[in-house]
Amino acid sequence: MVSNVTCSLCNGIIEHKFIPMKEWGISGTLCGKCYSKKIFEHYPGSHERTNQ
């Protein structure tokens, strides 16, 4: 089943949708790439994954 949902920022097709944080002021859903970009903008600096 192919989703026809598009990302609110890049208008690309979303395979796995992410809900933006309220602080971002974005309505709709985001693709993984745009969500990661916004997370990095919201929490700048270096980060390490802890659930490896």
Protein backbone atom coordinates (compact mmCIF):
# COMPACT_ATOMS: atom_id res chain seq x y z
CA MET A 1 0.00 0.00 0.00
CA VAL A 2 1.51 3.31 -1.09
CA SER A 3 0.88 6.41 1.00
CA ASN A 4 -0.12 9.63 -0.74
CA VAL A 5 0.77 11.75 2.28
CA THR A 6 3.38 14.41 1.59
CA CYS A 7 5.80 16.21 3.89
CA SER A 8 4.70 19.67 5.02
CA LEU A 9 8.19 21.09 4.41
CA CYS A 10 9.64 19.40 1.31
CA ASN A 11 6.41 18.02 -0.24
CA GLY A 12 8.11 14.64 -0.66
CA ILE A 13 6.21 11.37 -0.27
CA ILE A 14 6.25 10.14 3.35
CA GLU A 15 7.11 6.50 4.01
CA HIS A 16 7.00 6.90 7.80
CA LYS A 17 5.29 10.02 9.09
CA PHE A 18 6.57 12.09 11.98
CA ILE A 19 4.56 14.60 14.01
CA PRO A 20 6.32 17.97 14.40
CA MET A 21 6.84 19.49 17.85
CA LYS A 22 4.37 22.25 18.78
CA GLU A 23 7.26 24.69 19.24
CA TRP A 24 8.11 24.43 15.53
CA GLY A 25 4.78 25.91 14.43
CA ILE A 26 4.39 23.38 11.59
CA SER A 27 1.01 21.86 10.77
CA GLY A 28 0.79 18.46 9.12
CA THR A 29 3.35 15.68 9.06
CA LEU A 30 7.05 15.48 8.25
CA CYS A 31 9.25 12.96 6.48
CA GLY A 32 12.19 11.48 8.38
CA LYS A 33 14.74 13.72 6.67
CA CYS A 34 12.90 16.96 7.52
CA TYR A 35 12.12 15.77 11.06
CA SER A 36 15.80 15.03 11.69
CA LYS A 37 16.74 18.45 10.30
CA LYS A 38 14.25 20.22 12.58
CA ILE A 39 15.38 18.19 15.62
CA PHE A 40 18.98 19.25 14.94
CA GLU A 41 17.88 22.92 14.64
CA HIS A 42 15.88 22.69 17.88
CA TYR A 43 18.61 20.84 19.81
CA PRO A 44 21.91 22.10 18.33
CA GLY A 45 25.21 20.45 19.18
CA SER A 46 26.57 16.94 19.06
CA HIS A 47 24.37 14.03 20.10
CA GLU A 48 25.03 10.37 20.75
CA ARG A 49 22.49 7.58 20.39
CA THR A 50 21.93 5.82 23.69
CA ASN A 51 19.76 2.92 22.51
CA GLN A 52 22.34 1.04 20.45
